Protein backbone atom coordinates (compact mmCIF):
# COMPACT_ATOMS: atom_id res chain seq x y z
CA MET A 1 107.09 83.37 185.60
CA THR A 2 109.63 80.99 186.86
CA THR A 3 113.28 80.46 185.70
CA LEU A 4 112.39 77.41 183.86
CA GLN A 5 109.46 78.97 182.18
CA HIS A 6 111.64 82.00 181.39
CA THR A 7 114.35 79.72 179.90
CA ALA A 8 111.98 77.95 177.83
CA ALA A 9 110.37 80.94 176.57
CA GLU A 10 113.84 82.46 175.39
CA LEU A 11 114.77 79.18 173.95
CA ASP A 12 111.20 79.11 171.86
CA LEU A 13 112.06 82.72 170.91
CA LEU A 14 115.75 81.29 169.73
CA GLN A 15 114.23 78.48 167.88
CA ALA A 16 111.86 80.95 165.84
CA ARG A 17 114.68 83.34 165.24
CA ILE A 18 116.75 80.26 163.78
CA SER A 19 113.83 79.26 161.64
CA GLU A 20 113.59 82.71 160.30
CA VAL A 21 117.40 82.72 159.52
CA VAL A 22 117.24 79.50 157.86
CA GLN A 23 114.22 80.45 155.67
CA LYS A 24 116.04 83.46 154.46
CA LEU A 25 119.17 81.64 154.02
CA ARG A 26 117.02 79.37 151.47
CA THR A 27 115.51 82.35 149.94
CA LEU A 28 118.92 84.06 149.42
CA GLU A 29 120.22 80.60 147.94
CA GLU A 30 117.43 80.49 145.58
CA GLU A 31 117.78 84.11 144.60
CA ASN A 32 121.60 83.59 144.04
CA ARG A 33 120.91 80.59 141.68
CA SER A 34 118.44 82.45 139.99
CA LEU A 35 120.79 85.33 139.30
CA ARG A 36 123.73 83.10 138.44
CA THR A 37 121.58 81.43 135.65
CA ARG A 38 120.48 84.77 134.59
CA GLN A 39 124.20 86.17 134.24
CA GLU A 40 124.96 83.11 132.29
CA THR A 41 121.93 83.68 130.00
CA LEU A 42 123.11 87.53 129.40
CA VAL A 43 126.78 86.45 129.17
CA ALA A 44 125.88 83.94 126.14
CA GLU A 45 123.76 86.60 124.91
CA ARG A 46 126.22 89.23 124.74
CA ALA A 47 128.75 86.75 123.25
CA GLY A 48 126.21 86.26 120.28
CA LEU A 49 125.75 89.82 119.81
CA VAL A 50 129.50 90.77 119.72
CA GLN A 51 130.06 87.87 117.21
CA ARG A 52 127.13 89.25 115.12
CA ASN A 53 128.21 92.74 115.26
CA GLU A 54 131.77 91.58 114.39
CA GLU A 55 130.38 89.96 111.23
CA ALA A 56 128.36 92.99 110.27
CA ARG A 57 131.42 95.08 110.56
CA THR A 58 133.33 92.59 108.49
CA ARG A 59 130.43 92.67 105.80
CA VAL A 60 130.55 96.66 105.92
CA GLU A 61 133.87 96.89 105.55
CA ALA A 62 134.00 94.73 102.38
CA MET A 63 131.32 96.55 100.79
CA ILE A 64 133.37 99.74 101.52
CA GLU A 65 136.22 97.88 99.83
CA ARG A 66 134.12 96.80 96.61
CA LEU A 67 132.64 100.57 96.36
CA LYS A 68 136.23 102.09 96.69
CA SER A 69 137.43 99.44 93.79
CA LEU A 70 134.63 100.27 91.58
CA GLU A 71 135.11 103.98 91.96
CA THR A 72 138.91 103.85 90.93
CA ALA A 73 137.83 101.33 88.20
CA GLY A 74 135.32 103.85 86.84
């Protein structure tokens, strides 16, 4: 193998490696986008659950107060 052939082979190998790295980068960018979207969805779901939990707690506390007032009235 001549020096020119050797250099061409090294360049081909380097080009193939760069293509692999670029493809991996694209895959990681897509995964990152997907994970960010999922995180946003989960954060929104959690906020909704926290709000529903707070509303339920408020209703339960109100019922307890009504029961206490009925108990003292009776």
